[in-house]
């Protein structure tokens, strides 16, 4: 897929699941299940799953998206706690947007917890706009979701940014 410095972005493989699940569990109050990740491997027509690997080859982050018609939907993104605030999530989003564009996506969408300031700043820094708020969308704890979108012109601009 690509390499920036010594961090590599690759397609997620079934053998990556244990490491991905470990990151998922420390990142979210309601983590995705093993079966949910495995179902994405069966959904190859729309599913896009990428991982970031450390210089030693371990999984340090991942992103799960759907590419449907001309839209990229970012469903799940997390970075291993030790590697946070080092640009890993940014690299994953950029790689997913590029792959999505190659599959025909010309805009992108996602939902994020209203309290997830780091994620909001990441997405806004990449050109996403806050589109609307879904009240009470999340549970454990109950919280609003901020829907964010990246429209065609911003997506094209983002494609020209370096992944690193």
N, C-alpha and C. Protein backbone atom coordinates (compact mmCIF):
# COMPACT_ATOMS: atom_id res chain seq x y z
N UNK A 1 0.83 -1.19 0.00
CA UNK A 1 0.00 0.00 0.00
C UNK A 1 0.87 1.25 0.00
N UNK A 2 1.70 1.38 1.00
CA UNK A 2 2.56 2.54 1.07
C UNK A 2 3.39 2.52 2.31
N UNK A 3 4.43 3.37 2.33
CA UNK A 3 5.28 3.43 3.50
C UNK A 3 5.65 4.88 3.74
N UNK A 4 5.59 5.30 4.98
CA UNK A 4 6.01 6.61 5.39
C UNK A 4 7.01 6.40 6.50
N UNK A 5 8.23 6.84 6.29
CA UNK A 5 9.32 6.55 7.21
C UNK A 5 9.39 5.04 7.37
N UNK A 6 9.10 4.58 8.57
CA UNK A 6 9.17 3.14 8.80
C UNK A 6 7.81 2.55 9.14
N UNK A 7 6.78 3.35 9.06
CA UNK A 7 5.40 2.87 9.28
C UNK A 7 4.84 2.47 7.92
N UNK A 8 4.30 1.27 7.85
CA UNK A 8 3.75 0.77 6.60
C UNK A 8 2.23 0.64 6.71
N UNK A 9 1.52 1.01 5.65
CA UNK A 9 0.07 0.84 5.58
C UNK A 9 -0.20 -0.32 4.62
N UNK A 10 -0.92 -1.33 5.12
CA UNK A 10 -1.23 -2.53 4.34
C UNK A 10 -2.70 -2.88 4.49
N UNK A 11 -3.16 -3.78 3.67
CA UNK A 11 -4.51 -4.33 3.85
C UNK A 11 -4.54 -5.19 5.11
N UNK A 12 -5.65 -5.10 5.82
CA UNK A 12 -5.82 -5.95 7.00
C UNK A 12 -6.02 -7.39 6.54
N UNK A 13 -5.36 -8.32 7.23
CA UNK A 13 -5.48 -9.75 6.95
C UNK A 13 -6.16 -10.41 8.14
N UNK A 14 -6.74 -11.58 7.91
CA UNK A 14 -7.39 -12.30 9.01
C UNK A 14 -6.43 -12.54 10.18
N UNK A 15 -5.16 -12.79 9.87
CA UNK A 15 -4.20 -13.06 10.95
C UNK A 15 -3.89 -11.82 11.78
N UNK A 16 -4.36 -10.64 11.36
CA UNK A 16 -4.17 -9.41 12.12
C UNK A 16 -5.24 -9.21 13.20
N UNK A 17 -6.28 -10.03 13.18
CA UNK A 17 -7.45 -9.81 14.02
C UNK A 17 -7.12 -9.70 15.51
N UNK A 18 -6.28 -10.55 16.05
CA UNK A 18 -5.98 -10.50 17.49
C UNK A 18 -5.39 -9.16 17.89
N UNK A 19 -4.44 -8.67 17.10
CA UNK A 19 -3.83 -7.37 17.42
C UNK A 19 -4.84 -6.24 17.24
N UNK A 20 -5.65 -6.31 16.20
CA UNK A 20 -6.68 -5.29 15.97
C UNK A 20 -7.69 -5.29 17.11
N UNK A 21 -8.13 -6.48 17.53
CA UNK A 21 -9.08 -6.56 18.64
C UNK A 21 -8.50 -5.99 19.94
N UNK A 22 -7.22 -6.20 20.18
CA UNK A 22 -6.60 -5.65 21.40
C UNK A 22 -6.64 -4.13 21.37
N UNK A 23 -6.37 -3.53 20.22
CA UNK A 23 -6.44 -2.07 20.11
C UNK A 23 -7.88 -1.60 20.23
N UNK A 24 -8.79 -2.31 19.59
CA UNK A 24 -10.23 -1.97 19.64
C UNK A 24 -10.72 -1.94 21.09
N UNK A 25 -10.34 -2.95 21.86
CA UNK A 25 -10.84 -3.07 23.25
C UNK A 25 -10.33 -1.96 24.16
N UNK A 26 -9.10 -1.49 23.94
CA UNK A 26 -8.59 -0.41 24.79
C UNK A 26 -9.01 0.96 24.28
N UNK A 27 -9.63 1.01 23.11
CA UNK A 27 -9.98 2.29 22.50
C UNK A 27 -11.44 2.68 22.66
N UNK A 28 -12.32 1.71 22.82
CA UNK A 28 -13.75 2.01 22.80
C UNK A 28 -14.49 1.37 23.95
N UNK A 29 -15.52 2.07 24.47
CA UNK A 29 -16.34 1.49 25.54
C UNK A 29 -17.24 0.39 25.02
N UNK A 30 -17.59 0.44 23.74
CA UNK A 30 -18.39 -0.61 23.10
C UNK A 30 -17.60 -1.08 21.87
N UNK A 31 -16.62 -1.95 22.09
CA UNK A 31 -15.77 -2.36 20.97
C UNK A 31 -16.48 -3.29 19.99
N UNK A 32 -16.00 -3.27 18.76
CA UNK A 32 -16.48 -4.21 17.77
C UNK A 32 -16.10 -5.62 18.22
N UNK A 33 -16.92 -6.58 17.86
CA UNK A 33 -16.65 -7.99 18.17
C UNK A 33 -15.77 -8.61 17.08
N UNK A 34 -15.20 -9.74 17.40
CA UNK A 34 -14.43 -10.52 16.42
C UNK A 34 -15.31 -10.81 15.21
N UNK A 35 -16.56 -11.22 15.46
CA UNK A 35 -17.47 -11.56 14.35
C UNK A 35 -17.76 -10.37 13.45
N UNK A 36 -17.83 -9.19 14.03
CA UNK A 36 -18.08 -8.01 13.21
C UNK A 36 -16.89 -7.75 12.28
N UNK A 37 -15.67 -7.85 12.82
CA UNK A 37 -14.50 -7.71 11.95
C UNK A 37 -14.48 -8.80 10.88
N UNK A 38 -14.74 -10.04 11.30
CA UNK A 38 -14.72 -11.15 10.33
C UNK A 38 -15.77 -10.96 9.24
N UNK A 39 -16.91 -10.38 9.59
CA UNK A 39 -17.95 -10.15 8.58
C UNK A 39 -17.46 -9.17 7.51
N UNK A 40 -16.58 -8.26 7.88
CA UNK A 40 -16.04 -7.32 6.90
C UNK A 40 -15.17 -8.03 5.87
N UNK A 41 -14.49 -9.10 6.29
CA UNK A 41 -13.70 -9.87 5.33
C UNK A 41 -14.60 -10.55 4.29
N UNK A 42 -15.85 -10.85 4.66
CA UNK A 42 -16.78 -11.47 3.73
C UNK A 42 -17.47 -10.44 2.84
N UNK A 43 -17.34 -9.17 3.20
CA UNK A 43 -18.03 -8.08 2.51
C UNK A 43 -17.05 -7.36 1.58
N UNK A 44 -16.30 -8.11 0.80
CA UNK A 44 -15.21 -7.54 0.01
C UNK A 44 -15.67 -6.55 -1.06
N UNK A 45 -16.89 -6.62 -1.46
CA UNK A 45 -17.38 -5.70 -2.49
C UNK A 45 -17.36 -4.25 -2.00
N UNK A 46 -17.65 -4.02 -0.72
CA UNK A 46 -17.69 -2.65 -0.21
C UNK A 46 -16.68 -2.38 0.91
N UNK A 47 -16.23 -3.40 1.59
CA UNK A 47 -15.37 -3.20 2.75
C UNK A 47 -13.93 -2.86 2.36
N UNK A 48 -13.35 -1.92 3.09
CA UNK A 48 -11.96 -1.53 2.93
C UNK A 48 -11.36 -1.52 4.34
N UNK A 49 -10.37 -2.37 4.58
CA UNK A 49 -9.75 -2.48 5.91
C UNK A 49 -8.24 -2.37 5.76
N UNK A 50 -7.66 -1.39 6.43
CA UNK A 50 -6.23 -1.15 6.36
C UNK A 50 -5.63 -1.18 7.76
N UNK A 51 -4.36 -1.54 7.85
CA UNK A 51 -3.63 -1.50 9.12
C UNK A 51 -2.35 -0.71 8.93
N UNK A 52 -1.91 -0.13 10.04
CA UNK A 52 -0.59 0.51 10.10
C UNK A 52 0.31 -0.44 10.88
N UNK A 53 1.49 -0.70 10.34
CA UNK A 53 2.45 -1.59 10.99
C UNK A 53 3.66 -0.79 11.46
N UNK A 54 4.12 -1.13 12.65
CA UNK A 54 5.32 -0.51 13.21
C UNK A 54 6.54 -1.00 12.45
N UNK A 55 7.70 -0.41 12.70
CA UNK A 55 8.92 -0.91 12.06
C UNK A 55 9.18 -2.39 12.35
N UNK A 56 8.71 -2.86 13.50
CA UNK A 56 8.89 -4.27 13.87
C UNK A 56 7.82 -5.17 13.27
N UNK A 57 6.80 -4.59 12.63
CA UNK A 57 5.77 -5.38 11.97
C UNK A 57 4.48 -5.55 12.74
N UNK A 58 4.43 -5.07 13.98
CA UNK A 58 3.19 -5.18 14.76
C UNK A 58 2.15 -4.17 14.31
N UNK A 59 0.89 -4.50 14.53
CA UNK A 59 -0.21 -3.60 14.18
C UNK A 59 -0.27 -2.48 15.21
N UNK A 60 -0.25 -1.23 14.73
CA UNK A 60 -0.31 -0.09 15.64
C UNK A 60 -1.54 0.78 15.39
N UNK A 61 -2.32 0.44 14.38
CA UNK A 61 -3.54 1.17 14.08
C UNK A 61 -4.27 0.51 12.94
N UNK A 62 -5.54 0.88 12.76
CA UNK A 62 -6.34 0.30 11.69
C UNK A 62 -7.50 1.23 11.36
N UNK A 63 -8.05 1.03 10.18
CA UNK A 63 -9.24 1.75 9.75
C UNK A 63 -10.12 0.78 8.98
N UNK A 64 -11.42 0.88 9.21
CA UNK A 64 -12.41 0.07 8.49
C UNK A 64 -13.38 1.04 7.83
N UNK A 65 -13.58 0.87 6.54
CA UNK A 65 -14.46 1.74 5.76
C UNK A 65 -15.34 0.92 4.84
N UNK A 66 -16.37 1.56 4.35
CA UNK A 66 -17.16 1.02 3.25
C UNK A 66 -17.06 2.00 2.10
N UNK A 67 -16.96 1.47 0.91
CA UNK A 67 -17.04 2.29 -0.29
C UNK A 67 -18.32 1.85 -0.99
N UNK A 68 -19.31 2.74 -0.98
CA UNK A 68 -20.62 2.45 -1.56
C UNK A 68 -20.94 3.57 -2.54
N UNK A 69 -21.16 3.18 -3.78
CA UNK A 69 -21.40 4.14 -4.87
C UNK A 69 -20.24 5.13 -4.89
N UNK A 70 -20.52 6.42 -4.70
CA UNK A 70 -19.44 7.41 -4.73
C UNK A 70 -19.08 7.90 -3.33
N UNK A 71 -19.38 7.10 -2.31
CA UNK A 71 -19.15 7.52 -0.92
C UNK A 71 -18.22 6.57 -0.18
N UNK A 72 -17.32 7.16 0.60
CA UNK A 72 -16.47 6.43 1.53
C UNK A 72 -17.04 6.68 2.91
N UNK A 73 -17.41 5.61 3.62
CA UNK A 73 -17.93 5.73 4.98
C UNK A 73 -16.87 5.17 5.93
N UNK A 74 -16.31 6.03 6.78
CA UNK A 74 -15.34 5.58 7.76
C UNK A 74 -16.12 5.04 8.96
N UNK A 75 -15.95 3.75 9.24
CA UNK A 75 -16.72 3.08 10.27
C UNK A 75 -15.97 2.93 11.59
N UNK A 76 -14.67 2.69 11.51
CA UNK A 76 -13.89 2.39 12.71
C UNK A 76 -12.44 2.78 12.45
N UNK A 77 -11.85 3.48 13.42
CA UNK A 77 -10.47 3.91 13.32
C UNK A 77 -9.90 3.96 14.72
N UNK A 78 -8.74 3.36 14.92
CA UNK A 78 -8.10 3.41 16.23
C UNK A 78 -6.60 3.22 16.08
N UNK A 79 -5.88 3.76 17.05
CA UNK A 79 -4.43 3.63 17.12
C UNK A 79 -4.06 3.08 18.48
N UNK A 80 -3.08 2.21 18.52
CA UNK A 80 -2.57 1.65 19.77
C UNK A 80 -2.13 2.82 20.66
N UNK A 81 -2.51 2.82 21.96
CA UNK A 81 -2.25 3.99 22.81
C UNK A 81 -0.82 4.53 22.77
N UNK A 82 0.18 3.67 22.77
CA UNK A 82 1.57 4.13 22.75
C UNK A 82 1.88 4.95 21.50
N UNK A 83 1.20 4.67 20.41
CA UNK A 83 1.48 5.31 19.12
C UNK A 83 0.59 6.51 18.82
N UNK A 84 -0.30 6.88 19.74
CA UNK A 84 -1.21 8.00 19.49
C UNK A 84 -0.45 9.32 19.43
N UNK A 85 -1.04 10.26 18.71
CA UNK A 85 -0.49 11.60 18.53
C UNK A 85 0.84 11.60 17.75
N UNK A 86 1.00 10.59 16.90
CA UNK A 86 2.20 10.50 16.05
C UNK A 86 1.85 10.48 14.57
N UNK A 87 0.59 10.79 14.23
CA UNK A 87 0.19 10.86 12.83
C UNK A 87 -0.27 9.55 12.22
N UNK A 88 -0.39 8.49 13.03
CA UNK A 88 -0.79 7.18 12.49
C UNK A 88 -2.23 7.24 11.96
N UNK A 89 -3.14 7.80 12.75
CA UNK A 89 -4.54 7.89 12.31
C UNK A 89 -4.65 8.73 11.04
N UNK A 90 -3.90 9.81 10.98
CA UNK A 90 -3.90 10.65 9.78
C UNK A 90 -3.45 9.84 8.56
N UNK A 91 -2.38 9.08 8.72
CA UNK A 91 -1.89 8.24 7.62
C UNK A 91 -2.96 7.25 7.18
N UNK A 92 -3.65 6.65 8.13
CA UNK A 92 -4.69 5.67 7.79
C UNK A 92 -5.85 6.33 7.05
N UNK A 93 -6.28 7.50 7.52
CA UNK A 93 -7.38 8.19 6.85
C UNK A 93 -6.97 8.57 5.42
N UNK A 94 -5.77 9.12 5.27
CA UNK A 94 -5.31 9.50 3.93
C UNK A 94 -5.25 8.29 3.01
N UNK A 95 -4.72 7.17 3.51
CA UNK A 95 -4.64 5.95 2.69
C UNK A 95 -6.04 5.46 2.32
N UNK A 96 -6.98 5.52 3.27
CA UNK A 96 -8.35 5.08 2.99
C UNK A 96 -9.03 5.99 1.98
N UNK A 97 -8.82 7.29 2.09
CA UNK A 97 -9.42 8.23 1.14
C UNK A 97 -8.85 7.97 -0.26
N UNK A 98 -7.55 7.74 -0.34
CA UNK A 98 -6.95 7.44 -1.65
C UNK A 98 -7.52 6.16 -2.26
N UNK A 99 -7.58 5.10 -1.43
CA UNK A 99 -8.12 3.83 -1.91
C UNK A 99 -9.60 3.99 -2.29
N UNK A 100 -10.34 4.72 -1.46
CA UNK A 100 -11.74 4.96 -1.76
C UNK A 100 -11.91 5.70 -3.08
N UNK A 101 -11.06 6.70 -3.33
CA UNK A 101 -11.13 7.45 -4.58
C UNK A 101 -10.82 6.54 -5.77
N UNK A 102 -9.87 5.62 -5.59
CA UNK A 102 -9.57 4.67 -6.67
C UNK A 102 -10.77 3.78 -6.97
N UNK A 103 -11.61 3.55 -5.96
CA UNK A 103 -12.82 2.74 -6.15
C UNK A 103 -14.02 3.58 -6.57
N UNK A 104 -13.83 4.87 -6.75
CA UNK A 104 -14.91 5.73 -7.23
C UNK A 104 -15.52 6.67 -6.22
N UNK A 105 -15.04 6.69 -4.98
CA UNK A 105 -15.59 7.61 -3.97
C UNK A 105 -15.15 9.03 -4.26
N UNK A 106 -16.09 9.95 -4.19
CA UNK A 106 -15.78 11.36 -4.40
C UNK A 106 -16.15 12.19 -3.17
N UNK A 107 -16.59 11.54 -2.13
CA UNK A 107 -16.86 12.21 -0.85
C UNK A 107 -16.76 11.18 0.26
N UNK A 108 -16.65 11.67 1.49
CA UNK A 108 -16.47 10.77 2.63
C UNK A 108 -17.33 11.24 3.80
N UNK A 109 -17.74 10.27 4.63
CA UNK A 109 -18.58 10.54 5.80
C UNK A 109 -18.11 9.71 6.99
N UNK A 110 -18.47 10.17 8.18
CA UNK A 110 -18.20 9.41 9.41
C UNK A 110 -19.02 10.00 10.54
N UNK A 111 -19.10 9.24 11.63
CA UNK A 111 -19.67 9.73 12.88
C UNK A 111 -18.59 9.61 13.94
N UNK A 112 -18.56 10.57 14.86
CA UNK A 112 -17.59 10.54 15.95
C UNK A 112 -18.27 11.05 17.22
N UNK A 113 -17.88 10.48 18.36
CA UNK A 113 -18.43 10.95 19.63
C UNK A 113 -18.15 12.44 19.80
N UNK A 114 -19.15 13.17 20.27
CA UNK A 114 -19.00 14.62 20.44
C UNK A 114 -17.87 14.97 21.40
N UNK A 115 -17.55 14.08 22.33
CA UNK A 115 -16.48 14.35 23.30
C UNK A 115 -15.09 13.96 22.80
N UNK A 116 -15.00 13.34 21.63
CA UNK A 116 -13.72 12.86 21.12
C UNK A 116 -12.99 13.99 20.40
N UNK A 117 -12.44 14.89 21.21
CA UNK A 117 -11.78 16.08 20.70
C UNK A 117 -10.64 15.75 19.76
N UNK A 118 -9.83 14.75 20.10
CA UNK A 118 -8.69 14.39 19.25
C UNK A 118 -9.16 13.98 17.86
N UNK A 119 -10.22 13.17 17.79
CA UNK A 119 -10.73 12.73 16.49
C UNK A 119 -11.33 13.91 15.72
N UNK A 120 -12.09 14.75 16.41
CA UNK A 120 -12.67 15.92 15.74
C UNK A 120 -11.58 16.81 15.14
N UNK A 121 -10.51 17.04 15.90
CA UNK A 121 -9.40 17.86 15.40
C UNK A 121 -8.70 17.18 14.22
N UNK A 122 -8.51 15.86 14.30
CA UNK A 122 -7.90 15.12 13.20
C UNK A 122 -8.70 15.32 11.93
N UNK A 123 -10.00 15.04 11.99
CA UNK A 123 -10.83 15.11 10.80
C UNK A 123 -10.95 16.54 10.28
N UNK A 124 -11.12 17.50 11.17
CA UNK A 124 -11.20 18.90 10.72
C UNK A 124 -9.89 19.33 10.07
N UNK A 125 -8.76 18.87 10.61
CA UNK A 125 -7.46 19.18 10.04
C UNK A 125 -7.28 18.60 8.64
N UNK A 126 -8.03 17.56 8.35
CA UNK A 126 -7.98 16.94 7.02
C UNK A 126 -9.04 17.52 6.08
N UNK A 127 -9.83 18.47 6.55
CA UNK A 127 -10.81 19.13 5.70
C UNK A 127 -12.24 18.67 5.87
N UNK A 128 -12.51 17.75 6.80
CA UNK A 128 -13.88 17.32 7.06
C UNK A 128 -14.64 18.46 7.74
N UNK A 129 -15.93 18.56 7.45
CA UNK A 129 -16.80 19.55 8.08
C UNK A 129 -17.82 18.86 8.96
N UNK A 130 -18.17 19.51 10.05
CA UNK A 130 -19.26 19.02 10.91
C UNK A 130 -20.57 19.30 10.18
N UNK A 131 -21.30 18.23 9.91
CA UNK A 131 -22.50 18.34 9.10
C UNK A 131 -23.77 18.42 9.94
N UNK A 132 -23.88 17.53 10.92
CA UNK A 132 -25.03 17.53 11.82
C UNK A 132 -24.69 16.75 13.08
N UNK A 133 -25.59 16.81 14.04
CA UNK A 133 -25.43 16.09 15.31
C UNK A 133 -26.57 15.09 15.43
N UNK A 134 -26.23 13.84 15.74
CA UNK A 134 -27.24 12.82 16.02
C UNK A 134 -27.31 12.66 17.53
N UNK A 135 -28.38 13.15 18.10
CA UNK A 135 -28.52 13.14 19.55
C UNK A 135 -28.68 11.72 20.09
N UNK A 136 -27.94 11.42 21.16
CA UNK A 136 -28.05 10.13 21.83
C UNK A 136 -27.65 8.95 20.99
N UNK A 137 -26.83 9.14 19.99
CA UNK A 137 -26.45 8.10 19.03
C UNK A 137 -25.66 6.97 19.69
N UNK A 138 -24.73 7.32 20.55
CA UNK A 138 -23.88 6.33 21.21
C UNK A 138 -24.44 5.97 22.57
N UNK A 139 -24.06 4.77 23.04
CA UNK A 139 -24.38 4.41 24.42
C UNK A 139 -23.09 4.00 25.14
N UNK A 140 -23.20 3.83 26.43
CA UNK A 140 -22.08 3.43 27.30
C UNK A 140 -20.86 4.34 27.16
N UNK A 141 -20.96 5.62 27.45
CA UNK A 141 -22.13 6.37 27.88
C UNK A 141 -22.95 6.92 26.70
N UNK A 142 -24.19 7.28 27.02
CA UNK A 142 -25.04 7.90 26.01
C UNK A 142 -24.40 9.23 25.62
N UNK A 143 -24.28 9.43 24.33
CA UNK A 143 -23.61 10.63 23.85
C UNK A 143 -24.03 10.92 22.42
N UNK A 144 -23.96 12.19 22.06
CA UNK A 144 -24.27 12.59 20.69
C UNK A 144 -23.14 12.20 19.74
N UNK A 145 -23.50 12.00 18.50
CA UNK A 145 -22.52 11.77 17.43
C UNK A 145 -22.46 13.02 16.56
N UNK A 146 -21.27 13.41 16.20
CA UNK A 146 -21.08 14.48 15.24
C UNK A 146 -20.85 13.80 13.89
N UNK A 147 -21.70 14.10 12.93
CA UNK A 147 -21.54 13.58 11.58
C UNK A 147 -20.64 14.56 10.84
N UNK A 148 -19.61 14.02 10.20
CA UNK A 148 -18.66 14.85 9.47
C UNK A 148 -18.60 14.38 8.03
N UNK A 149 -18.36 15.33 7.13
CA UNK A 149 -18.29 14.97 5.71
C UNK A 149 -17.12 15.69 5.05
N UNK A 150 -16.66 15.06 4.02
CA UNK A 150 -15.60 15.60 3.18
C UNK A 150 -16.17 15.57 1.76
N UNK A 151 -16.46 16.73 1.24
CA UNK A 151 -17.09 16.80 -0.07
C UNK A 151 -16.06 16.76 -1.19
N UNK A 152 -16.54 16.63 -2.40
CA UNK A 152 -15.71 16.37 -3.58
C UNK A 152 -14.47 17.25 -3.67
N UNK A 153 -14.59 18.57 -3.60
CA UNK A 153 -13.43 19.46 -3.77
C UNK A 153 -12.41 19.24 -2.66
N UNK A 154 -12.88 19.10 -1.43
CA UNK A 154 -11.97 18.87 -0.30
C UNK A 154 -11.30 17.51 -0.42
N UNK A 155 -12.03 16.52 -0.91
CA UNK A 155 -11.44 15.19 -1.09
C UNK A 155 -10.34 15.23 -2.15
N UNK A 156 -10.58 15.91 -3.24
CA UNK A 156 -9.57 16.03 -4.29
C UNK A 156 -8.33 16.73 -3.74
N UNK A 157 -8.53 17.77 -2.95
CA UNK A 157 -7.41 18.48 -2.33
C UNK A 157 -6.64 17.56 -1.39
N UNK A 158 -7.37 16.75 -0.64
CA UNK A 158 -6.74 15.83 0.31
C UNK A 158 -5.90 14.77 -0.41
N UNK A 159 -6.32 14.38 -1.58
CA UNK A 159 -5.57 13.37 -2.35
C UNK A 159 -4.17 13.86 -2.70
N UNK A 160 -3.98 15.17 -2.71
CA UNK A 160 -2.68 15.73 -3.03
C UNK A 160 -1.77 15.90 -1.82
N UNK A 161 -2.29 15.62 -0.62
CA UNK A 161 -1.46 15.74 0.58
C UNK A 161 -0.57 14.52 0.73
N UNK A 162 0.65 14.72 1.24
CA UNK A 162 1.51 13.56 1.49
C UNK A 162 0.97 12.71 2.63
N UNK A 163 1.17 11.40 2.55
CA UNK A 163 0.66 10.49 3.57
C UNK A 163 1.39 10.65 4.89
N UNK A 164 2.67 11.03 4.87
CA UNK A 164 3.44 11.09 6.11
C UNK A 164 2.99 12.19 7.03
